[in-house]
Amino acid sequence: MASKPQSLDDVRALLLKRASELGLEPGSEDEVLERLLDLEVKTPEPTGEECRRYYERNTARFSSGDLAEASHILFAITPRVPPGALRARAAEVHAIATKDPSRFADLAAQYSNCPSAAQGGSLGQIGRGDTVPEFEAALFGDARLGVLPDLVATRHGFHVVHVARRIAGRTVPFEGARATIEAYLRERSTERAIAQYLQILAEGASPLVQ
């Protein structure tokens, strides 16, 4: 029994030999090989049942992440301001914002060292992985809304954080994921069919693969 082709050159030579046997019309080698594979390698389309089964076994791959709609007031760490004094000032503003959350945007505009101050401190919707781990932990650590009860300390400084809402991650329904699944299963099936075809060619048997 012939061995399986060991290199790309071996594979190419094997395919070109088969194309020559079939008398395929001349063209570039790549064009000839493409016509050969189209002619002799038949890849079945994934069925709805196969797609559904893959979806049910890999549901986690089709889930969107958690989101939080948040604003902050950043007291940025700088060489000129002692961290203790900076934290104390952040705590003062935190107390004001906690007592009257309606003032949050104005406080951000007045005190925040972040460009978001121009938008009242708004950071928009933030997903997991979009920000530094310590800030992310504060956003997604519990379900509370409004001004978070503690200052959030990060490598950037001290943050007064307001969470307007959280959107829990959701699973994309099967119909929404079906096209992606079909493409993936078709590609995987094609790879298997080509590998089988090459093995048959190497063994000198009838090469047509259904």
N, C-alpha and C. Protein backbone atom coordinates (compact mmCIF):
# COMPACT_ATOMS: atom_id res chain seq x y z
N MET A 1 0.84 -1.20 0.00
CA MET A 1 0.00 0.00 0.00
C MET A 1 0.87 1.25 0.00
N ALA A 2 0.54 2.20 -0.87
CA ALA A 2 1.32 3.44 -0.93
C ALA A 2 1.09 4.26 0.31
N SER A 3 2.11 5.01 0.70
CA SER A 3 2.00 5.85 1.88
C SER A 3 1.31 7.16 1.55
N LYS A 4 0.80 7.80 2.59
CA LYS A 4 0.15 9.10 2.43
C LYS A 4 1.19 10.15 2.04
N PRO A 5 0.86 11.08 1.09
CA PRO A 5 1.82 12.13 0.72
C PRO A 5 2.34 12.87 1.95
N GLN A 6 3.64 13.12 1.98
CA GLN A 6 4.27 13.67 3.17
C GLN A 6 4.50 15.17 3.12
N SER A 7 4.45 15.79 1.94
CA SER A 7 4.75 17.21 1.84
C SER A 7 3.81 17.86 0.84
N LEU A 8 3.80 19.21 0.85
CA LEU A 8 2.98 19.94 -0.10
C LEU A 8 3.41 19.65 -1.53
N ASP A 9 4.71 19.48 -1.75
CA ASP A 9 5.21 19.16 -3.08
C ASP A 9 4.71 17.78 -3.52
N ASP A 10 4.69 16.83 -2.59
CA ASP A 10 4.17 15.50 -2.90
C ASP A 10 2.70 15.57 -3.29
N VAL A 11 1.94 16.35 -2.53
CA VAL A 11 0.51 16.49 -2.80
C VAL A 11 0.29 17.12 -4.16
N ARG A 12 1.03 18.17 -4.44
CA ARG A 12 0.86 18.88 -5.72
C ARG A 12 1.22 17.95 -6.89
N ALA A 13 2.28 17.22 -6.75
CA ALA A 13 2.69 16.32 -7.83
C ALA A 13 1.65 15.24 -8.06
N LEU A 14 1.08 14.73 -6.99
CA LEU A 14 0.06 13.69 -7.10
C LEU A 14 -1.18 14.22 -7.82
N LEU A 15 -1.59 15.44 -7.46
CA LEU A 15 -2.78 16.03 -8.07
C LEU A 15 -2.53 16.36 -9.54
N LEU A 16 -1.37 16.89 -9.85
CA LEU A 16 -1.06 17.22 -11.24
C LEU A 16 -0.99 15.96 -12.10
N LYS A 17 -0.50 14.89 -11.53
CA LYS A 17 -0.45 13.62 -12.26
C LYS A 17 -1.87 13.15 -12.59
N ARG A 18 -2.76 13.27 -11.62
CA ARG A 18 -4.16 12.87 -11.85
C ARG A 18 -4.82 13.77 -12.88
N ALA A 19 -4.55 15.07 -12.82
CA ALA A 19 -5.12 16.00 -13.79
C ALA A 19 -4.66 15.66 -15.20
N SER A 20 -3.39 15.27 -15.33
CA SER A 20 -2.85 14.89 -16.64
C SER A 20 -3.52 13.63 -17.16
N GLU A 21 -3.77 12.66 -16.26
CA GLU A 21 -4.46 11.43 -16.64
C GLU A 21 -5.86 11.71 -17.18
N LEU A 22 -6.51 12.71 -16.62
CA LEU A 22 -7.87 13.05 -17.04
C LEU A 22 -7.88 13.96 -18.27
N GLY A 23 -6.71 14.46 -18.66
CA GLY A 23 -6.62 15.33 -19.82
C GLY A 23 -7.32 16.65 -19.63
N LEU A 24 -7.22 17.21 -18.43
CA LEU A 24 -7.86 18.49 -18.17
C LEU A 24 -7.22 19.57 -19.04
N GLU A 25 -8.02 20.55 -19.44
CA GLU A 25 -7.55 21.61 -20.32
C GLU A 25 -6.38 22.34 -19.68
N PRO A 26 -5.42 22.76 -20.49
CA PRO A 26 -4.25 23.46 -19.93
C PRO A 26 -4.63 24.80 -19.32
N GLY A 27 -3.81 25.23 -18.40
CA GLY A 27 -3.98 26.50 -17.72
C GLY A 27 -2.89 26.58 -16.68
N SER A 28 -2.99 27.54 -15.79
CA SER A 28 -2.01 27.58 -14.70
C SER A 28 -2.22 26.37 -13.82
N GLU A 29 -1.17 25.98 -13.09
CA GLU A 29 -1.27 24.81 -12.23
C GLU A 29 -2.40 24.97 -11.22
N ASP A 30 -2.53 26.16 -10.64
CA ASP A 30 -3.57 26.39 -9.65
C ASP A 30 -4.95 26.22 -10.25
N GLU A 31 -5.14 26.71 -11.48
CA GLU A 31 -6.43 26.57 -12.15
C GLU A 31 -6.74 25.10 -12.44
N VAL A 32 -5.74 24.35 -12.87
CA VAL A 32 -5.92 22.93 -13.16
C VAL A 32 -6.29 22.18 -11.89
N LEU A 33 -5.60 22.48 -10.80
CA LEU A 33 -5.88 21.79 -9.54
C LEU A 33 -7.28 22.13 -9.03
N GLU A 34 -7.69 23.38 -9.19
CA GLU A 34 -9.03 23.77 -8.76
C GLU A 34 -10.10 23.02 -9.54
N ARG A 35 -9.91 22.89 -10.87
CA ARG A 35 -10.87 22.16 -11.69
C ARG A 35 -10.89 20.69 -11.31
N LEU A 36 -9.72 20.15 -11.02
CA LEU A 36 -9.63 18.74 -10.63
C LEU A 36 -10.43 18.48 -9.36
N LEU A 37 -10.23 19.31 -8.36
CA LEU A 37 -10.93 19.11 -7.09
C LEU A 37 -12.44 19.32 -7.26
N ASP A 38 -12.81 20.31 -8.07
CA ASP A 38 -14.24 20.53 -8.32
C ASP A 38 -14.87 19.31 -8.99
N LEU A 39 -14.10 18.66 -9.86
CA LEU A 39 -14.60 17.52 -10.61
C LEU A 39 -14.70 16.25 -9.77
N GLU A 40 -13.70 16.00 -8.95
CA GLU A 40 -13.61 14.69 -8.31
C GLU A 40 -13.87 14.66 -6.81
N VAL A 41 -13.85 15.79 -6.17
CA VAL A 41 -14.13 15.81 -4.72
C VAL A 41 -15.51 16.42 -4.50
N LYS A 42 -16.43 15.61 -4.09
CA LYS A 42 -17.80 16.06 -3.85
C LYS A 42 -18.03 16.15 -2.35
N THR A 43 -18.32 17.35 -1.88
CA THR A 43 -18.53 17.57 -0.46
C THR A 43 -20.02 17.70 -0.17
N PRO A 44 -20.58 16.83 0.65
CA PRO A 44 -22.00 16.93 0.96
C PRO A 44 -22.30 18.18 1.79
N GLU A 45 -23.46 18.78 1.53
CA GLU A 45 -23.88 19.93 2.31
C GLU A 45 -24.31 19.48 3.70
N PRO A 46 -23.97 20.24 4.75
CA PRO A 46 -24.42 19.86 6.09
C PRO A 46 -25.94 19.92 6.18
N THR A 47 -26.51 18.95 6.82
CA THR A 47 -27.97 18.90 6.97
C THR A 47 -28.41 19.78 8.14
N GLY A 48 -29.68 20.09 8.16
CA GLY A 48 -30.22 20.86 9.28
C GLY A 48 -30.02 20.15 10.60
N GLU A 49 -30.15 18.82 10.57
CA GLU A 49 -29.97 18.04 11.80
C GLU A 49 -28.53 18.13 12.30
N GLU A 50 -27.57 18.06 11.36
CA GLU A 50 -26.16 18.17 11.74
C GLU A 50 -25.86 19.55 12.33
N CYS A 51 -26.43 20.59 11.72
CA CYS A 51 -26.22 21.95 12.22
C CYS A 51 -26.82 22.11 13.62
N ARG A 52 -28.02 21.60 13.79
CA ARG A 52 -28.67 21.69 15.10
C ARG A 52 -27.87 20.94 16.16
N ARG A 53 -27.37 19.77 15.82
CA ARG A 53 -26.61 18.98 16.78
C ARG A 53 -25.33 19.72 17.18
N TYR A 54 -24.64 20.31 16.20
CA TYR A 54 -23.43 21.07 16.51
C TYR A 54 -23.76 22.26 17.41
N TYR A 55 -24.84 22.95 17.12
CA TYR A 55 -25.26 24.10 17.93
C TYR A 55 -25.51 23.69 19.37
N GLU A 56 -26.23 22.59 19.56
CA GLU A 56 -26.58 22.16 20.91
C GLU A 56 -25.36 21.70 21.70
N ARG A 57 -24.35 21.20 21.00
CA ARG A 57 -23.15 20.74 21.68
C ARG A 57 -22.15 21.86 21.93
N ASN A 58 -22.34 23.01 21.27
CA ASN A 58 -21.39 24.11 21.37
C ASN A 58 -22.09 25.45 21.61
N THR A 59 -23.13 25.42 22.43
CA THR A 59 -23.94 26.62 22.64
C THR A 59 -23.11 27.80 23.15
N ALA A 60 -22.11 27.52 23.98
CA ALA A 60 -21.31 28.61 24.55
C ALA A 60 -20.60 29.43 23.48
N ARG A 61 -20.35 28.84 22.32
CA ARG A 61 -19.67 29.57 21.24
C ARG A 61 -20.58 30.62 20.59
N PHE A 62 -21.86 30.53 20.88
CA PHE A 62 -22.82 31.42 20.24
C PHE A 62 -23.51 32.32 21.26
N SER A 63 -22.76 32.74 22.26
CA SER A 63 -23.28 33.62 23.30
C SER A 63 -22.61 34.99 23.20
N SER A 64 -23.41 36.02 23.34
CA SER A 64 -22.85 37.38 23.39
C SER A 64 -22.51 37.69 24.84
N GLY A 65 -21.59 38.61 25.05
CA GLY A 65 -21.10 38.89 26.39
C GLY A 65 -21.95 39.87 27.19
N ASP A 66 -21.67 39.94 28.49
CA ASP A 66 -22.33 40.91 29.35
C ASP A 66 -21.91 42.33 28.95
N LEU A 67 -22.83 43.27 29.15
CA LEU A 67 -22.54 44.68 28.89
C LEU A 67 -22.98 45.51 30.08
N ALA A 68 -22.29 46.62 30.30
CA ALA A 68 -22.68 47.58 31.33
C ALA A 68 -22.63 48.97 30.71
N GLU A 69 -23.69 49.73 30.92
CA GLU A 69 -23.71 51.13 30.46
C GLU A 69 -23.27 51.99 31.64
N ALA A 70 -22.12 52.62 31.53
CA ALA A 70 -21.51 53.26 32.69
C ALA A 70 -20.93 54.63 32.38
N SER A 71 -20.77 55.40 33.46
CA SER A 71 -20.09 56.69 33.41
C SER A 71 -19.10 56.72 34.57
N HIS A 72 -18.08 57.58 34.47
CA HIS A 72 -17.15 57.68 35.59
C HIS A 72 -16.59 59.09 35.69
N ILE A 73 -16.05 59.34 36.86
CA ILE A 73 -15.30 60.56 37.12
C ILE A 73 -13.91 60.11 37.52
N LEU A 74 -12.93 60.41 36.69
CA LEU A 74 -11.57 59.92 36.94
C LEU A 74 -10.72 60.99 37.61
N PHE A 75 -10.10 60.60 38.71
CA PHE A 75 -9.08 61.41 39.36
C PHE A 75 -7.75 60.72 39.04
N ALA A 76 -7.10 61.22 37.99
CA ALA A 76 -5.92 60.54 37.45
C ALA A 76 -4.69 60.75 38.33
N ILE A 77 -3.93 59.70 38.46
CA ILE A 77 -2.67 59.77 39.21
C ILE A 77 -1.65 60.55 38.39
N THR A 78 -1.02 61.52 39.03
CA THR A 78 0.04 62.31 38.39
C THR A 78 1.19 62.45 39.37
N PRO A 79 2.40 62.70 38.88
CA PRO A 79 3.56 62.84 39.78
C PRO A 79 3.42 64.01 40.74
N ARG A 80 2.60 65.01 40.39
CA ARG A 80 2.53 66.22 41.19
C ARG A 80 1.56 66.13 42.36
N VAL A 81 0.66 65.14 42.34
CA VAL A 81 -0.36 65.05 43.39
C VAL A 81 -0.16 63.78 44.20
N PRO A 82 0.04 63.89 45.51
CA PRO A 82 0.18 62.70 46.36
C PRO A 82 -1.06 61.84 46.27
N PRO A 83 -0.92 60.50 46.14
CA PRO A 83 -2.08 59.62 46.01
C PRO A 83 -3.10 59.79 47.15
N GLY A 84 -2.59 60.03 48.36
CA GLY A 84 -3.51 60.18 49.49
C GLY A 84 -4.43 61.38 49.33
N ALA A 85 -3.85 62.50 48.89
CA ALA A 85 -4.64 63.71 48.68
C ALA A 85 -5.62 63.52 47.53
N LEU A 86 -5.16 62.81 46.48
CA LEU A 86 -6.02 62.57 45.33
C LEU A 86 -7.21 61.70 45.74
N ARG A 87 -6.94 60.68 46.52
CA ARG A 87 -8.02 59.80 46.97
C ARG A 87 -9.02 60.56 47.84
N ALA A 88 -8.51 61.43 48.68
CA ALA A 88 -9.40 62.20 49.56
C ALA A 88 -10.33 63.09 48.74
N ARG A 89 -9.78 63.71 47.68
CA ARG A 89 -10.61 64.57 46.84
C ARG A 89 -11.65 63.74 46.09
N ALA A 90 -11.23 62.55 45.60
CA ALA A 90 -12.17 61.66 44.92
C ALA A 90 -13.28 61.22 45.86
N ALA A 91 -12.93 60.98 47.13
CA ALA A 91 -13.93 60.55 48.11
C ALA A 91 -14.96 61.65 48.36
N GLU A 92 -14.51 62.89 48.35
CA GLU A 92 -15.44 64.02 48.54
C GLU A 92 -16.46 64.07 47.40
N VAL A 93 -15.97 63.94 46.18
CA VAL A 93 -16.87 63.98 45.02
C VAL A 93 -17.76 62.75 45.00
N HIS A 94 -17.21 61.63 45.42
CA HIS A 94 -18.02 60.40 45.50
C HIS A 94 -19.18 60.59 46.45
N ALA A 95 -18.93 61.22 47.57
CA ALA A 95 -19.99 61.45 48.55
C ALA A 95 -21.10 62.36 47.97
N ILE A 96 -20.69 63.38 47.23
CA ILE A 96 -21.67 64.29 46.62
C ILE A 96 -22.51 63.55 45.58
N ALA A 97 -21.84 62.76 44.74
CA ALA A 97 -22.55 62.02 43.69
C ALA A 97 -23.48 60.97 44.27
N THR A 98 -23.06 60.36 45.37
CA THR A 98 -23.90 59.34 46.01
C THR A 98 -25.16 59.98 46.59
N LYS A 99 -25.00 61.14 47.19
CA LYS A 99 -26.13 61.84 47.81
C LYS A 99 -27.09 62.36 46.75
N ASP A 100 -26.58 62.83 45.62
CA ASP A 100 -27.42 63.39 44.56
C ASP A 100 -26.92 62.93 43.19
N PRO A 101 -27.31 61.72 42.77
CA PRO A 101 -26.82 61.17 41.50
C PRO A 101 -27.16 62.04 40.28
N SER A 102 -28.18 62.89 40.41
CA SER A 102 -28.55 63.73 39.27
C SER A 102 -27.44 64.71 38.91
N ARG A 103 -26.50 64.94 39.83
CA ARG A 103 -25.40 65.86 39.58
C ARG A 103 -24.19 65.18 38.94
N PHE A 104 -24.30 63.88 38.67
CA PHE A 104 -23.13 63.12 38.24
C PHE A 104 -22.49 63.72 36.98
N ALA A 105 -23.30 64.02 35.98
CA ALA A 105 -22.74 64.54 34.72
C ALA A 105 -22.03 65.87 34.94
N ASP A 106 -22.61 66.73 35.76
CA ASP A 106 -21.98 68.03 36.04
C ASP A 106 -20.68 67.85 36.81
N LEU A 107 -20.68 66.91 37.74
CA LEU A 107 -19.45 66.64 38.51
C LEU A 107 -18.35 66.09 37.60
N ALA A 108 -18.76 65.23 36.67
CA ALA A 108 -17.77 64.68 35.73
C ALA A 108 -17.18 65.79 34.88
N ALA A 109 -18.02 66.67 34.39
CA ALA A 109 -17.54 67.77 33.56
C ALA A 109 -16.59 68.67 34.33
N GLN A 110 -16.82 68.82 35.63
CA GLN A 110 -16.01 69.71 36.45
C GLN A 110 -14.70 69.08 36.93
N TYR A 111 -14.75 67.78 37.28
CA TYR A 111 -13.61 67.19 37.97
C TYR A 111 -12.86 66.09 37.19
N SER A 112 -13.51 65.43 36.25
CA SER A 112 -12.89 64.24 35.66
C SER A 112 -11.70 64.59 34.78
N ASN A 113 -10.65 63.78 34.88
CA ASN A 113 -9.45 63.92 34.06
C ASN A 113 -9.50 63.04 32.81
N CYS A 114 -10.68 62.52 32.50
CA CYS A 114 -10.85 61.67 31.32
C CYS A 114 -11.53 62.47 30.22
N PRO A 115 -11.21 62.20 28.94
CA PRO A 115 -11.90 62.89 27.85
C PRO A 115 -13.41 62.73 27.89
N SER A 116 -13.88 61.65 28.55
CA SER A 116 -15.32 61.42 28.64
C SER A 116 -16.02 62.51 29.46
N ALA A 117 -15.26 63.37 30.14
CA ALA A 117 -15.86 64.47 30.91
C ALA A 117 -16.74 65.35 30.03
N ALA A 118 -16.36 65.45 28.75
CA ALA A 118 -17.14 66.28 27.82
C ALA A 118 -18.51 65.68 27.55
N GLN A 119 -18.68 64.39 27.84
CA GLN A 119 -19.98 63.73 27.68
C GLN A 119 -20.57 63.37 29.04
N GLY A 120 -20.26 64.15 30.04
CA GLY A 120 -20.79 63.87 31.36
C GLY A 120 -20.24 62.62 31.99
N GLY A 121 -19.06 62.22 31.53
CA GLY A 121 -18.42 61.01 32.07
C GLY A 121 -18.85 59.73 31.40
N SER A 122 -19.73 59.81 30.40
CA SER A 122 -20.27 58.60 29.78
C SER A 122 -19.20 57.79 29.05
N LEU A 123 -19.17 56.50 29.34
CA LEU A 123 -18.28 55.57 28.65
C LEU A 123 -19.03 54.69 27.66
N GLY A 124 -20.34 54.90 27.58
CA GLY A 124 -21.15 54.07 26.70
C GLY A 124 -21.28 52.66 27.25
N GLN A 125 -21.47 51.71 26.36
CA GLN A 125 -21.59 50.31 26.77
C GLN A 125 -20.22 49.66 26.78
N ILE A 126 -19.91 49.01 27.88
CA ILE A 126 -18.62 48.36 28.07
C ILE A 126 -18.84 46.87 28.22
N GLY A 127 -18.07 46.09 27.48
CA GLY A 127 -18.14 44.64 27.61
C GLY A 127 -16.95 44.11 28.37
N ARG A 128 -17.04 42.86 28.75
CA ARG A 128 -15.91 42.22 29.42
C ARG A 128 -14.71 42.21 28.48
N GLY A 129 -13.56 42.60 29.01
CA GLY A 129 -12.36 42.66 28.20
C GLY A 129 -12.11 44.01 27.57
N ASP A 130 -13.06 44.93 27.71
CA ASP A 130 -12.90 46.25 27.09
C ASP A 130 -12.09 47.22 27.94
N THR A 131 -11.90 46.90 29.21
CA THR A 131 -11.23 47.83 30.11
C THR A 131 -10.28 47.07 31.01
N VAL A 132 -9.59 47.78 31.91
CA VAL A 132 -8.62 47.11 32.78
C VAL A 132 -9.36 46.20 33.76
N PRO A 133 -8.71 45.12 34.21
CA PRO A 133 -9.39 44.13 35.05
C PRO A 133 -10.02 44.69 36.32
N GLU A 134 -9.36 45.64 36.98
CA GLU A 134 -9.90 46.15 38.23
C GLU A 134 -11.17 46.98 38.01
N PHE A 135 -11.24 47.68 36.89
CA PHE A 135 -12.45 48.44 36.56
C PHE A 135 -13.56 47.47 36.15
N GLU A 136 -13.20 46.47 35.37
CA GLU A 136 -14.17 45.46 34.95
C GLU A 136 -14.77 44.74 36.16
N ALA A 137 -13.93 44.42 37.14
CA ALA A 137 -14.42 43.72 38.34
C ALA A 137 -15.47 44.55 39.07
N ALA A 138 -15.28 45.87 39.10
CA ALA A 138 -16.26 46.73 39.76
C ALA A 138 -17.57 46.79 38.98
N LEU A 139 -17.47 46.83 37.64
CA LEU A 139 -18.67 46.92 36.82
C LEU A 139 -19.52 45.67 36.90
N PHE A 140 -18.87 44.52 36.86
CA PHE A 140 -19.61 43.26 36.76
C PHE A 140 -19.60 42.44 38.04
N GLY A 141 -19.06 43.03 39.11
CA GLY A 141 -18.95 42.28 40.36
C GLY A 141 -20.26 42.06 41.09
N ASP A 142 -21.24 42.93 40.88
CA ASP A 142 -22.55 42.73 41.49
C ASP A 142 -23.60 43.36 40.59
N ALA A 143 -24.84 43.27 41.02
CA ALA A 143 -25.96 43.71 40.17
C ALA A 143 -26.45 45.11 40.50
N ARG A 144 -25.76 45.82 41.40
CA ARG A 144 -26.25 47.14 41.80
C ARG A 144 -26.14 48.17 40.69
N LEU A 145 -27.11 49.07 40.65
CA LEU A 145 -27.10 50.17 39.70
C LEU A 145 -26.92 51.49 40.44
N GLY A 146 -26.68 52.55 39.68
CA GLY A 146 -26.46 53.86 40.27
C GLY A 146 -24.99 54.06 40.59
N VAL A 147 -24.70 54.98 41.49
CA VAL A 147 -23.31 55.25 41.89
C VAL A 147 -22.82 54.08 42.74
N LEU A 148 -21.74 53.47 42.32
CA LEU A 148 -21.22 52.34 43.08
C LEU A 148 -20.78 52.80 44.47
N PRO A 149 -20.96 51.95 45.49
CA PRO A 149 -20.76 52.40 46.87
C PRO A 149 -19.31 52.70 47.25
N ASP A 150 -18.36 52.25 46.46
CA ASP A 150 -16.95 52.47 46.78
C ASP A 150 -16.23 53.10 45.60
N LEU A 151 -15.18 53.86 45.91
CA LEU A 151 -14.29 54.31 44.85
C LEU A 151 -13.65 53.09 44.18
N VAL A 152 -13.40 53.21 42.89
CA VAL A 152 -12.72 52.13 42.17
C VAL A 152 -11.30 52.58 41.89
N ALA A 153 -10.35 51.86 42.47
CA ALA A 153 -8.94 52.19 42.27
C ALA A 153 -8.37 51.33 41.14
N THR A 154 -7.76 51.99 40.15
CA THR A 154 -7.10 51.28 39.05
C THR A 154 -5.71 51.85 38.85
N ARG A 155 -5.00 51.32 37.90
CA ARG A 155 -3.66 51.83 37.58
C ARG A 155 -3.72 53.26 37.07
N HIS A 156 -4.91 53.70 36.66
CA HIS A 156 -5.05 55.06 36.11
C HIS A 156 -5.39 56.10 37.19
N GLY A 157 -5.90 55.65 38.31
CA GLY A 157 -6.28 56.59 39.36
C GLY A 157 -7.48 56.09 40.13
N PHE A 158 -8.31 57.03 40.60
CA PHE A 158 -9.49 56.71 41.39
C PHE A 158 -10.73 57.13 40.60
N HIS A 159 -11.71 56.24 40.57
CA HIS A 159 -12.90 56.46 39.76
C HIS A 159 -14.15 56.48 40.63
N VAL A 160 -14.98 57.48 40.39
CA VAL A 160 -16.35 57.46 40.90
C VAL A 160 -17.16 56.89 39.73
N VAL A 161 -17.88 55.82 39.97
CA VAL A 161 -18.52 55.09 38.87
C VAL A 161 -20.03 55.06 39.04
N HIS A 162 -20.71 55.34 37.96
CA HIS A 162 -22.17 55.24 37.92
C HIS A 162 -22.55 54.23 36.84
N VAL A 163 -23.35 53.24 37.23
CA VAL A 163 -23.83 52.23 36.28
C VAL A 163 -25.31 52.46 36.03
N ALA A 164 -25.63 52.80 34.78
CA ALA A 164 -27.03 53.07 34.43
C ALA A 164 -27.82 51.79 34.24
N ARG A 165 -27.20 50.80 33.62
CA ARG A 165 -27.87 49.51 33.44
C ARG A 165 -26.86 48.45 33.06
N ARG A 166 -27.28 47.22 33.26
CA ARG A 166 -26.47 46.08 32.84
C ARG A 166 -27.31 45.23 31.91
N ILE A 167 -26.66 44.70 30.90
CA ILE A 167 -27.33 43.83 29.95
C ILE A 167 -26.65 42.46 30.02
N ALA A 168 -27.39 41.49 30.52
CA ALA A 168 -26.82 40.16 30.66
C ALA A 168 -26.53 39.56 29.30
N GLY A 169 -25.47 38.78 29.23
CA GLY A 169 -25.15 38.09 27.99
C GLY A 169 -26.29 37.18 27.59
N ARG A 170 -26.48 37.00 26.29
CA ARG A 170 -27.56 36.15 25.80
C ARG A 170 -27.02 35.18 24.77
N THR A 171 -27.74 34.10 24.60
CA THR A 171 -27.36 33.09 23.62
C THR A 171 -28.01 33.42 22.28
N VAL A 172 -27.20 33.47 21.24
CA VAL A 172 -27.73 33.70 19.90
C VAL A 172 -28.60 32.51 19.51
N PRO A 173 -29.84 32.72 19.06
CA PRO A 173 -30.70 31.59 18.70
C PRO A 173 -30.14 30.80 17.53
N PHE A 174 -30.59 29.56 17.41
CA PHE A 174 -30.07 28.67 16.37
C PHE A 174 -30.14 29.29 14.98
N GLU A 175 -31.28 29.87 14.64
CA GLU A 175 -31.44 30.43 13.29
C GLU A 175 -30.44 31.56 13.04
N GLY A 176 -30.08 32.30 14.10
CA GLY A 176 -29.11 33.37 13.95
C GLY A 176 -27.70 32.85 13.76
N ALA A 177 -27.45 31.63 14.23
CA ALA A 177 -26.11 31.05 14.14
C ALA A 177 -25.98 30.05 12.99
N ARG A 178 -27.09 29.71 12.36
CA ARG A 178 -27.10 28.60 11.40
C ARG A 178 -26.13 28.81 10.24
N ALA A 179 -26.12 30.00 9.65
CA ALA A 179 -25.24 30.24 8.50
C ALA A 179 -23.78 30.04 8.87
N THR A 180 -23.39 30.52 10.06
CA THR A 180 -22.01 30.34 10.53
C THR A 180 -21.69 28.87 10.72
N ILE A 181 -22.64 28.13 11.29
CA ILE A 181 -22.43 26.70 11.53
C ILE A 181 -22.31 25.95 10.21
N GLU A 182 -23.19 26.27 9.27
CA GLU A 182 -23.15 25.61 7.96
C GLU A 182 -21.80 25.82 7.28
N ALA A 183 -21.30 27.06 7.32
CA ALA A 183 -20.01 27.36 6.68
C ALA A 183 -18.89 26.58 7.35
N TYR A 184 -18.92 26.51 8.68
CA TYR A 184 -17.88 25.79 9.41
C TYR A 184 -17.92 24.29 9.09
N LEU A 185 -19.12 23.69 9.14
CA LEU A 185 -19.23 22.26 8.88
C LEU A 185 -18.89 21.93 7.43
N ARG A 186 -19.24 22.84 6.50
CA ARG A 186 -18.90 22.62 5.10
C ARG A 186 -17.39 22.64 4.90
N GLU A 187 -16.72 23.58 5.55
CA GLU A 187 -15.27 23.66 5.43
C GLU A 187 -14.60 22.42 6.02
N ARG A 188 -15.10 22.00 7.19
CA ARG A 188 -14.53 20.81 7.83
C ARG A 188 -14.76 19.56 6.97
N SER A 189 -15.95 19.46 6.38
CA SER A 189 -16.26 18.33 5.52
C SER A 189 -15.38 18.33 4.27
N THR A 190 -15.14 19.52 3.72
CA THR A 190 -14.29 19.63 2.54
C THR A 190 -12.87 19.17 2.85
N GLU A 191 -12.36 19.57 4.00
CA GLU A 191 -11.00 19.18 4.39
C GLU A 191 -10.90 17.66 4.51
N ARG A 192 -11.92 17.04 5.12
CA ARG A 192 -11.91 15.58 5.26
C ARG A 192 -11.99 14.89 3.90
N ALA A 193 -12.85 15.44 3.01
CA ALA A 193 -13.01 14.84 1.69
C ALA A 193 -11.72 14.92 0.88
N ILE A 194 -11.04 16.06 0.95
CA ILE A 194 -9.79 16.20 0.21
C ILE A 194 -8.73 15.26 0.76
N ALA A 195 -8.67 15.13 2.09
CA ALA A 195 -7.69 14.22 2.69
C ALA A 195 -7.97 12.78 2.25
N GLN A 196 -9.24 12.40 2.20
CA GLN A 196 -9.59 11.05 1.75
C GLN A 196 -9.23 10.86 0.27
N TYR A 197 -9.50 11.88 -0.52
CA TYR A 197 -9.19 11.83 -1.94
C TYR A 197 -7.69 11.64 -2.17
N LEU A 198 -6.88 12.39 -1.44
CA LEU A 198 -5.42 12.27 -1.59
C LEU A 198 -4.94 10.88 -1.19
N GLN A 199 -5.54 10.33 -0.14
CA GLN A 199 -5.14 8.99 0.29
C GLN A 199 -5.48 7.96 -0.77
N ILE A 200 -6.66 8.10 -1.38
CA ILE A 200 -7.06 7.18 -2.44
C ILE A 200 -6.11 7.29 -3.63
N LEU A 201 -5.76 8.53 -4.00
CA LEU A 201 -4.81 8.72 -5.10
C LEU A 201 -3.47 8.07 -4.79
N ALA A 202 -3.01 8.25 -3.57
CA ALA A 202 -1.70 7.70 -3.18
C ALA A 202 -1.72 6.17 -3.23
N GLU A 203 -2.88 5.58 -2.97
CA GLU A 203 -2.99 4.13 -2.97
C GLU A 203 -3.25 3.56 -4.36
N GLY A 204 -3.46 4.49 -5.33
CA GLY A 204 -3.66 4.05 -6.71
C GLY A 204 -5.01 3.48 -6.98
N ALA A 205 -6.00 3.78 -6.13
CA ALA A 205 -7.34 3.26 -6.32
C ALA A 205 -8.18 4.24 -7.14
N SER A 206 -9.43 3.87 -7.41
CA SER A 206 -10.34 4.77 -8.12
C SER A 206 -10.55 6.01 -7.25
N PRO A 207 -10.29 7.20 -7.79
CA PRO A 207 -10.20 8.39 -6.93
C PRO A 207 -11.50 9.12 -6.66
N LEU A 208 -12.62 8.81 -7.33
CA LEU A 208 -13.81 9.62 -7.16
C LEU A 208 -14.33 9.52 -5.75
N VAL A 209 -14.45 10.67 -5.08
CA VAL A 209 -14.92 10.73 -3.69
C VAL A 209 -16.29 11.38 -3.68
N GLN A 210 -17.28 10.72 -3.11
CA GLN A 210 -18.62 11.28 -3.02
C GLN A 210 -18.84 11.86 -1.63
